[in-house]
Amino acid sequence: MITKDSTKKIVIAISCLRIGGAEQFVITLAKSLKHSGHDVHILLLDNFIELPIPKDIPIHIFPYDIYRKIPRFMRKKIIAKAIDNLILKNIGKPDLVLSNLKSMDQFLAYSQLEHVYLVVHNTLSKLHSLSSRSLKQLKETYLAKPCIGVSNGVTIDLPILLERPMNITTIYDPVDIQKAEDLACDFIPPYQDYLVNVSTFKMAKRHDILIAAYAKSTLDCPLVLVGDGVERETCEHLALQLGVSDRVHFVGMTTNPYPYIKYATAMVISSDFEGLNIAMLEAISLYTPVISTACPSGPPEVLPAHHLVPVGDIKALAKKMQQVVSSPEKFMMPLAKKFHPEYAANQYLALINNHKNSSI
């Protein structure tokens, strides 16, 4: 039982709450920590919210726009101090602060509050060019505070990128299993025996590989693509060019992808790289088979070897699609406990005790 003295004050910070994996992580972890009886707050730089937020979790908006006129070389430390002041004034002294994504990390790296961690959601070596300037900026941010990688691949990648040992450990992203189960019953998609992909249309997700592999597979079942982004139009043209536009369905962005996931024959992931891939875990929690490229990182840490194909291998992915459609039961698997919300919440709470023990 949580007593008043054992209740922890926790701030989870991110730039905004648009539809995305890191943003969903913030909501899922906040709900789990709140359910455990802790005082949880979400801090944003921008009042841009696309995800539903529980009414019992306060949202604090930092007035970032008024600081934009400050010269860039001065801005980070000034904003960090202002964020610290906002937290202390409106929330109180926190027991734990979790920063998410570089847009927030660049400021909280300079925070003077105790127990600040930067949660790294992707393999940063794949996201950033290795120019001396960008590498210097990443070092200034991620060597300043202890970090959490959302997969072992992320945790291994960052010290290599930054070219030195650092304080980083792995805590896997949790899945809001109850939410996925509840929302999956909202409607039945107008497709039958289909394959699904749920992701933003950007180069890293390689929808072009997915569509090309689907065309090569000659499968009759539909391919349903849930999401939006800069590469969508290019992919629509590709589907037309390959003669599969009548079977590839672009359903756009939605706040509820779960029915599409639940009723699919299988989910197909074709990425060049991932942090972890929340949609993959949500599919597993809904008993939908998943096949994927063996991309760094995430999928190879979660899926058995027979679910995986080499990155960028159109022929292998086409064959794997045929296999999963033919025998989906061979690709079923349970969701491991380490991806459950309460498991992740306990690991994050343990960071507080670790700090106390190390300071004794």
Foldseek 3Di string as FASTA:
>chain_A
DQDPVNAFEEEEEEAEQDDDDQNVLSQLLQVLSVVVPHQYEYEHQDDHHDADHDPSHHYHYDPNVVQVPPDPVPRQLVVLVVVLVCCCVPPNQGLAYEYEDPVGLLRVLNHPHPHYEYEYWWLVVVVDDLDVVVLVSLCSRPQSHAYEAQDVLSVVRVCVSNVHDHRYYYQHRAAPLVVLVVLLPVDADPFAQEEEEEDEPDVQQPVVLVLLLQLVLPDPGAYEYEEYYDCVVVSCVSCVVSVNNVRYHDPYYDNRCSNVLLRYLAYETQGQEGSADNSCLSSLSSQHFYAYACHYDHPVVFFDPLSYDHHPDSNVSSVSVVVCSVPVVVRHDHRDPSRHSNNSNVVSVVSSVVVVVVVD
